[in-house]
């Protein structure tokens, strides 16, 4: 392969909608290649990263030969996490095909030998098979010349208005002792994140609406930096009996606040998940925005679910980021994404580490 050196060239594999790439670009990384098998997520990625070559294909079928001309500065991504998630008891087995996809990650690392690698996944990855999978990953990377560090980071410690934790393994083959970024000394709350977005009702669908107020804070100012209107104000339409249930739930509460007679369609209410009918507390970072439609997360004040833009804000996607596909597909893309500000913190610390090393010589 004919490879030439190029500053801060990145490759995003298992890219999803592009949360990690947004953070990488904010940190000064030029993401030249992205690989994503889901056509809807890939369409979103391509729309928001017009200069990136997006390969829509099963990664197992993609050859690394000639995929990129320049020597990659960094390769990053997280294989699908269904097999590792602690919340997924049905498919968390050794035989889940998603669990073998980290072999594809290693294939790309072995063939391309980037200066840096970032492996991201759910927290449950580190305890899968009693930690043997992580040990194998570290061992294989060591054999390729990588010095690695691992940690579980909380997004709320890095400016994301959401209590979301992710496993990160960062490695380099240029002799740097990497340190993960230190937490910020403040938290961004749900109220901070959503205060300027328009009021909506159950089932509303507005492509664009004016912002509610110009009295924005540091976080909303950053989110609105390249936007003049709030886009994708799409809210799932729930049945009237569901909306009636919402009216009984105060901020921070869940289904337990709903009168028993309004939950008669649940055969065994005692086994109901705590995330069902969860109203967000405006004075704290949000609970995890996974599949927020399925989990029935409720707006902190209004009796409805979250809009696309609100969920994107809680994930730290900027307002000019446009999601493609049906509402269901968009909700899944947002829920699956790595928060861009969390990714930025990791990538910025990598850039700073590299620049510090360069300054020593």
Protein backbone atom coordinates (compact mmCIF):
# COMPACT_ATOMS: atom_id res chain seq x y z
CA UNK A 1 0.00 0.00 0.00
CA UNK A 2 1.33 3.41 -0.99
CA UNK A 3 1.00 5.51 2.17
CA UNK A 4 2.22 9.01 2.82
CA UNK A 5 2.27 10.90 6.08
CA UNK A 6 -0.57 13.37 6.63
CA UNK A 7 -1.32 15.31 9.82
CA UNK A 8 -4.25 14.09 11.94
CA UNK A 9 -5.97 11.87 9.37
CA UNK A 10 -8.70 9.76 10.97
CA UNK A 11 -10.75 6.66 10.11
CA UNK A 12 -14.09 6.01 11.82
CA UNK A 13 -15.27 2.39 11.71
CA UNK A 14 -18.68 1.27 13.01
CA UNK A 15 -19.36 4.99 12.70
CA UNK A 16 -23.11 5.10 13.25
CA UNK A 17 -24.56 8.56 12.67
CA UNK A 18 -21.19 10.15 13.42
CA UNK A 19 -21.09 11.25 17.06
CA UNK A 20 -17.44 10.28 17.48
CA UNK A 21 -16.46 11.94 14.21
CA UNK A 22 -18.08 15.22 15.26
CA UNK A 23 -15.95 15.16 18.42
CA UNK A 24 -12.86 14.19 16.42
CA UNK A 25 -13.37 17.07 13.99
CA UNK A 26 -13.85 19.54 16.85
CA UNK A 27 -10.46 18.37 18.15
CA UNK A 28 -8.78 18.97 14.78
CA UNK A 29 -8.86 15.49 13.23
CA UNK A 30 -9.62 15.16 9.52
CA UNK A 31 -11.93 12.13 9.21
CA UNK A 32 -11.30 10.87 5.68
CA UNK A 33 -13.01 7.46 5.84
CA UNK A 34 -16.11 6.20 7.67
CA UNK A 35 -17.55 2.68 7.57
CA UNK A 36 -21.15 1.94 8.54
CA UNK A 37 -23.41 -0.95 7.56
CA UNK A 38 -26.74 0.66 8.53
CA UNK A 39 -27.96 2.63 5.52
CA UNK A 40 -29.95 5.17 7.56
CA UNK A 41 -27.09 5.97 9.93
CA UNK A 42 -24.70 6.11 6.96
CA UNK A 43 -26.99 8.56 5.18
CA UNK A 44 -26.97 10.77 8.26
CA UNK A 45 -23.19 10.56 8.49
CA UNK A 46 -22.70 11.41 4.81
CA UNK A 47 -25.07 14.39 4.96
CA UNK A 48 -23.26 15.92 7.93
CA UNK A 49 -19.72 15.03 6.81
CA UNK A 50 -19.71 15.86 3.08
CA UNK A 51 -15.91 15.66 2.82
CA UNK A 52 -15.72 12.14 4.30
CA UNK A 53 -15.78 9.04 2.10
CA UNK A 54 -18.56 6.93 3.68
CA UNK A 55 -18.46 3.21 2.89
CA UNK A 56 -21.90 1.60 3.36
CA UNK A 57 -21.02 -2.07 3.68
CA UNK A 58 -20.49 -4.96 6.07
CA UNK A 59 -17.02 -4.29 7.45
CA UNK A 60 -16.15 -7.97 7.02
CA UNK A 61 -16.34 -7.44 3.24
CA UNK A 62 -14.13 -4.35 3.14
CA UNK A 63 -10.47 -4.73 2.24
CA UNK A 64 -7.98 -2.42 3.88
CA UNK A 65 -5.74 -2.51 0.79
CA UNK A 66 -5.67 0.93 -0.79
CA UNK A 67 -8.48 2.20 1.42
CA UNK A 68 -6.50 5.32 2.29
CA UNK A 69 -3.38 6.87 0.81
CA UNK A 70 -2.09 8.64 3.88
CA UNK A 71 -0.75 7.02 7.02
CA UNK A 72 -3.65 7.31 9.50
CA UNK A 73 -3.00 9.39 12.56
CA UNK A 74 -5.89 7.68 14.35
CA UNK A 75 -8.39 4.88 13.89
CA UNK A 76 -11.43 4.83 16.13
CA UNK A 77 -14.79 3.15 16.57
CA UNK A 78 -16.93 0.86 18.66
CA UNK A 79 -18.25 -2.50 17.41
CA UNK A 80 -22.01 -3.00 17.97
CA UNK A 81 -22.52 -3.40 21.69
CA UNK A 82 -25.64 -5.57 21.92
CA UNK A 83 -23.62 -8.59 22.95
CA UNK A 84 -21.80 -6.76 25.72
CA UNK A 85 -24.52 -4.58 27.23
CA UNK A 86 -25.32 -5.30 30.88
CA UNK A 87 -28.97 -4.36 30.23
CA UNK A 88 -29.40 -6.96 27.49
CA UNK A 89 -29.76 -10.36 29.16
CA UNK A 90 -31.24 -12.07 26.08
CA UNK A 91 -28.27 -11.69 23.73
CA UNK A 92 -25.33 -11.27 26.13
CA UNK A 93 -23.70 -14.58 25.23
CA UNK A 94 -20.42 -15.77 23.78
CA UNK A 95 -22.22 -16.81 20.59
CA UNK A 96 -23.65 -13.39 19.77
CA UNK A 97 -22.17 -12.54 16.33
CA UNK A 98 -21.72 -8.91 17.36
CA UNK A 99 -19.14 -10.02 19.90
CA UNK A 100 -16.73 -11.13 17.17
CA UNK A 101 -16.77 -7.78 15.37
CA UNK A 102 -13.94 -6.49 17.53
CA UNK A 103 -11.83 -8.91 15.42
CA UNK A 104 -12.60 -6.66 12.45
CA UNK A 105 -11.47 -3.69 14.50
CA UNK A 106 -8.18 -5.48 15.16
CA UNK A 107 -7.84 -6.37 11.47
CA UNK A 108 -8.00 -2.70 10.54
CA UNK A 109 -5.49 -1.79 13.25
CA UNK A 110 -3.10 -4.56 12.19
CA UNK A 111 -3.28 -3.63 8.49
CA UNK A 112 -3.20 0.17 8.79
CA UNK A 113 -1.06 0.61 11.93
CA UNK A 114 -2.30 4.10 12.85
CA UNK A 115 -0.34 6.13 15.37
CA UNK A 116 -3.33 6.15 17.73
CA UNK A 117 -6.38 3.97 18.27
CA UNK A 118 -9.58 4.53 20.24
CA UNK A 119 -11.84 1.59 21.05
CA UNK A 120 -15.22 2.54 22.50
CA UNK A 121 -18.05 0.44 23.86
CA UNK A 122 -20.62 0.05 26.62
CA UNK A 123 -19.41 -0.30 30.20
CA UNK A 124 -20.39 -3.97 30.17
CA UNK A 125 -17.65 -4.71 27.64
CA UNK A 126 -14.97 -4.64 30.33
CA UNK A 127 -16.70 -7.35 32.38
CA UNK A 128 -17.75 -9.60 29.50
CA UNK A 129 -16.45 -13.12 29.99
CA UNK A 130 -15.10 -11.93 33.36
CA UNK A 131 -12.77 -9.46 31.68
CA UNK A 132 -11.11 -11.98 29.37
CA UNK A 133 -12.22 -10.15 26.21
CA UNK A 134 -10.59 -6.89 27.33
CA UNK A 135 -7.43 -8.76 28.30
CA UNK A 136 -7.31 -10.38 24.86
CA UNK A 137 -7.84 -7.02 23.17
CA UNK A 138 -5.01 -5.43 25.15
CA UNK A 139 -2.73 -8.40 24.50
CA UNK A 140 -3.35 -8.28 20.76
CA UNK A 141 -2.78 -4.54 20.61
CA UNK A 142 0.43 -4.90 22.62
CA UNK A 143 1.69 -7.43 20.08
CA UNK A 144 1.15 -4.76 17.41
CA UNK A 145 3.25 -2.26 19.36
CA UNK A 146 0.50 -0.33 21.16
CA UNK A 147 0.72 1.00 24.69
CA UNK A 148 -2.86 1.18 26.00
CA UNK A 149 -4.91 2.72 28.78
CA UNK A 150 -8.56 1.99 29.57
CA UNK A 151 -11.26 3.71 31.57
CA UNK A 152 -15.01 4.14 31.93
CA UNK A 153 -15.90 7.79 31.39
CA UNK A 154 -19.11 9.57 32.38
CA UNK A 155 -20.38 11.93 29.71
CA UNK A 156 -21.76 14.31 32.34
CA UNK A 157 -18.17 14.97 33.49
CA UNK A 158 -17.31 16.44 30.09
CA UNK A 159 -20.06 18.94 29.40
CA UNK A 160 -22.74 16.52 28.17
CA UNK A 161 -26.13 17.03 29.88
CA UNK A 162 -26.56 13.31 30.39
CA UNK A 163 -25.42 10.66 32.88
CA UNK A 164 -24.06 8.21 30.30
CA UNK A 165 -21.01 6.03 30.84
CA UNK A 166 -18.88 4.49 28.11
CA UNK A 167 -15.82 2.24 28.07
CA UNK A 168 -12.78 3.63 26.26
CA UNK A 169 -9.48 1.99 25.44
CA UNK A 170 -6.88 4.36 23.98
CA UNK A 171 -3.56 3.24 22.59
CA UNK A 172 -0.59 4.57 20.67
CA UNK A 173 2.54 3.12 19.09
CA UNK A 174 4.67 6.26 19.39
CA UNK A 175 5.74 5.86 23.02
CA UNK A 176 3.38 8.32 24.72
CA UNK A 177 2.07 7.68 28.25
CA UNK A 178 -1.52 8.66 27.63
CA UNK A 179 -3.75 10.08 30.37
CA UNK A 180 -7.53 10.36 30.06
CA UNK A 181 -9.02 13.87 30.27
CA UNK A 182 -9.81 15.21 33.71
CA UNK A 183 -13.50 15.84 34.55
CA UNK A 184 -14.82 19.38 34.32
CA UNK A 185 -15.76 21.19 37.52
CA UNK A 186 -19.39 21.70 36.50
CA UNK A 187 -22.40 19.79 35.16
CA UNK A 188 -24.80 20.83 32.40
CA UNK A 189 -28.41 20.13 33.37
CA UNK A 190 -31.48 19.24 31.34
CA UNK A 191 -32.80 22.78 31.90
CA UNK A 192 -29.50 24.23 30.67
CA UNK A 193 -29.71 22.13 27.53
CA UNK A 194 -33.37 22.60 26.59
CA UNK A 195 -34.28 26.05 27.91
CA UNK A 196 -34.35 27.82 24.54
CA UNK A 197 -36.06 25.11 22.48
CA UNK A 198 -39.69 25.63 21.39
CA UNK A 199 -42.67 24.32 23.34
CA UNK A 200 -44.32 21.33 21.64
CA UNK A 201 -47.29 19.01 22.01
CA UNK A 202 -47.78 15.28 21.68
CA UNK A 203 -47.21 14.19 18.06
CA UNK A 204 -45.94 17.55 16.77
CA UNK A 205 -43.81 17.54 13.65
CA UNK A 206 -42.16 20.81 12.66
CA UNK A 207 -39.07 20.84 10.46
CA UNK A 208 -38.15 24.30 11.76
CA UNK A 209 -39.33 26.55 14.57
CA UNK A 210 -37.93 29.73 16.12
CA UNK A 211 -35.96 29.40 19.33
CA UNK A 212 -37.96 30.24 22.44
CA UNK A 213 -35.57 32.79 23.84
CA UNK A 214 -32.40 34.67 23.08
CA UNK A 215 -31.34 34.42 26.72
CA UNK A 216 -29.20 31.39 26.05
CA UNK A 217 -26.42 29.99 28.21
CA UNK A 218 -22.94 28.80 27.34
CA UNK A 219 -24.16 25.33 26.34
CA UNK A 220 -27.08 26.45 24.17
CA UNK A 221 -24.89 29.12 22.58
CA UNK A 222 -22.46 26.41 21.53
CA UNK A 223 -25.28 24.17 20.24
CA UNK A 224 -26.77 27.07 18.23
CA UNK A 225 -23.48 28.37 16.87
CA UNK A 226 -24.32 27.55 13.23
CA UNK A 227 -28.13 27.65 13.41
CA UNK A 228 -30.80 30.35 13.30
CA UNK A 229 -33.79 28.08 13.94
CA UNK A 230 -34.49 24.90 15.89
CA UNK A 231 -34.71 22.03 13.40
CA UNK A 232 -36.31 18.57 13.52
CA UNK A 233 -38.90 19.27 16.21
CA UNK A 234 -40.43 15.81 15.79
CA UNK A 235 -42.30 14.19 18.68
CA UNK A 236 -43.72 10.65 18.64
CA UNK A 237 -47.51 10.57 18.97
CA UNK A 238 -48.66 8.63 22.01
CA UNK A 239 -52.17 7.45 22.86
CA UNK A 240 -54.28 9.70 25.03
CA UNK A 241 -54.20 7.23 27.91
CA UNK A 242 -50.39 7.44 27.85
CA UNK A 243 -50.50 11.23 28.02
CA UNK A 244 -52.91 10.94 30.94
CA UNK A 245 -50.33 8.81 32.75
CA UNK A 246 -47.69 11.49 32.16
CA UNK A 247 -49.72 14.05 34.10
CA UNK A 248 -49.18 12.10 37.34
CA UNK A 249 -45.39 12.04 37.11
CA UNK A 250 -43.22 14.76 38.65
CA UNK A 251 -39.63 15.55 37.56
CA UNK A 252 -37.31 12.67 38.41
CA UNK A 253 -40.19 10.22 38.97
CA UNK A 254 -41.23 7.21 36.88
CA UNK A 255 -44.15 4.82 36.37
CA UNK A 256 -44.48 4.23 40.13
CA UNK A 257 -46.23 7.60 40.41
CA UNK A 258 -49.00 6.53 38.04
CA UNK A 259 -52.24 5.38 39.74
CA UNK A 260 -52.58 1.61 39.57
CA UNK A 261 -55.90 1.78 37.73
CA UNK A 262 -54.19 3.60 34.84
CA UNK A 263 -51.68 0.75 34.43
CA UNK A 264 -54.20 -2.06 34.06
CA UNK A 265 -52.79 -3.21 30.70
CA UNK A 266 -49.54 -4.28 32.41
CA UNK A 267 -49.84 -7.96 33.37
CA UNK A 268 -47.07 -7.78 35.98
CA UNK A 269 -46.43 -4.19 36.97
CA UNK A 270 -43.85 -5.20 39.61
CA UNK A 271 -41.42 -6.21 36.85
CA UNK A 272 -41.72 -2.89 35.01
CA UNK A 273 -38.34 -1.34 34.17
CA UNK A 274 -37.43 1.77 36.19
CA UNK A 275 -36.79 3.69 32.97
CA UNK A 276 -40.40 3.40 31.82
CA UNK A 277 -42.35 6.66 32.05
CA UNK A 278 -39.34 8.51 33.38
CA UNK A 279 -39.78 12.28 33.56
CA UNK A 280 -36.45 14.07 33.30
CA UNK A 281 -35.32 16.19 36.22
CA UNK A 282 -34.55 19.67 34.84
CA UNK A 283 -32.03 20.37 37.59
CA UNK A 284 -29.75 17.42 36.81
CA UNK A 285 -28.14 15.89 33.74
CA UNK A 286 -30.49 13.52 31.93
CA UNK A 287 -30.69 9.80 32.45
CA UNK A 288 -29.30 7.76 29.55
CA UNK A 289 -30.81 8.62 26.18
CA UNK A 290 -30.76 5.19 24.59
CA UNK A 291 -33.89 4.37 22.60
CA UNK A 292 -35.74 7.24 24.22
CA UNK A 293 -39.01 6.51 22.43
CA UNK A 294 -39.09 2.89 23.62
CA UNK A 295 -38.12 3.87 27.15
CA UNK A 296 -40.89 6.51 27.23
CA UNK A 297 -38.74 9.34 28.54
CA UNK A 298 -40.87 12.37 29.34
CA UNK A 299 -40.13 16.05 28.84
CA UNK A 300 -39.26 17.69 32.20
CA UNK A 301 -42.24 20.08 32.09
CA UNK A 302 -44.56 19.27 29.19
CA UNK A 303 -46.76 16.14 29.00
CA UNK A 304 -45.10 14.50 26.00
CA UNK A 305 -42.04 12.61 24.89
CA UNK A 306 -38.79 14.22 23.80
CA UNK A 307 -38.41 15.74 20.36
CA UNK A 308 -35.58 14.76 18.04
CA UNK A 309 -33.81 18.07 18.65
CA UNK A 310 -34.20 17.78 22.43
CA UNK A 311 -32.75 14.28 22.47
CA UNK A 312 -29.93 15.42 20.19
CA UNK A 313 -29.20 18.32 22.56
CA UNK A 314 -28.99 15.91 25.49
CA UNK A 315 -26.45 13.93 23.48
CA UNK A 316 -24.52 17.16 22.63
CA UNK A 317 -25.19 17.05 18.88
CA UNK A 318 -25.12 20.63 17.56
CA UNK A 319 -28.34 22.07 16.16
CA UNK A 320 -27.07 22.11 12.57
CA UNK A 321 -26.63 18.32 12.67
CA UNK A 322 -29.50 16.81 10.64
CA UNK A 323 -30.61 13.21 11.09
CA UNK A 324 -31.90 11.19 8.13
CA UNK A 325 -34.49 8.41 7.94
CA UNK A 326 -37.86 7.77 9.55
CA UNK A 327 -38.57 9.03 13.06
CA UNK A 328 -37.96 5.56 14.48
CA UNK A 329 -34.61 5.28 12.70
CA UNK A 330 -33.61 8.77 13.84
CA UNK A 331 -34.45 7.97 17.46
CA UNK A 332 -32.32 4.84 17.26
CA UNK A 333 -29.39 6.73 15.74
CA UNK A 334 -29.46 9.31 18.51
CA UNK A 335 -29.74 6.67 21.23
CA UNK A 336 -26.85 4.62 19.83
CA UNK A 337 -24.46 7.53 19.38
CA UNK A 338 -21.41 8.47 21.38
CA UNK A 339 -21.99 12.02 22.69
CA UNK A 340 -19.80 14.32 20.56
CA UNK A 341 -18.58 16.34 23.55
CA UNK A 342 -17.44 13.17 25.32
CA UNK A 343 -15.62 12.09 22.16
CA UNK A 344 -14.10 15.56 21.85
CA UNK A 345 -12.65 15.35 25.37
CA UNK A 346 -10.89 12.08 24.51
CA UNK A 347 -9.62 13.24 21.11
CA UNK A 348 -8.50 16.62 22.44
CA UNK A 349 -6.42 14.89 25.12
CA UNK A 350 -4.85 12.74 22.38
CA UNK A 351 -4.00 15.80 20.29
CA UNK A 352 -2.57 17.56 23.34
CA UNK A 353 -0.51 14.49 24.26
CA UNK A 354 0.86 14.28 20.72
CA UNK A 355 1.68 17.98 20.53
CA UNK A 356 3.38 17.81 23.93
CA UNK A 357 5.51 14.92 22.69
CA UNK A 358 6.42 16.86 19.55
CA UNK A 359 7.44 19.89 21.59
CA UNK A 360 9.91 17.78 23.58
CA UNK A 361 12.07 17.13 20.53
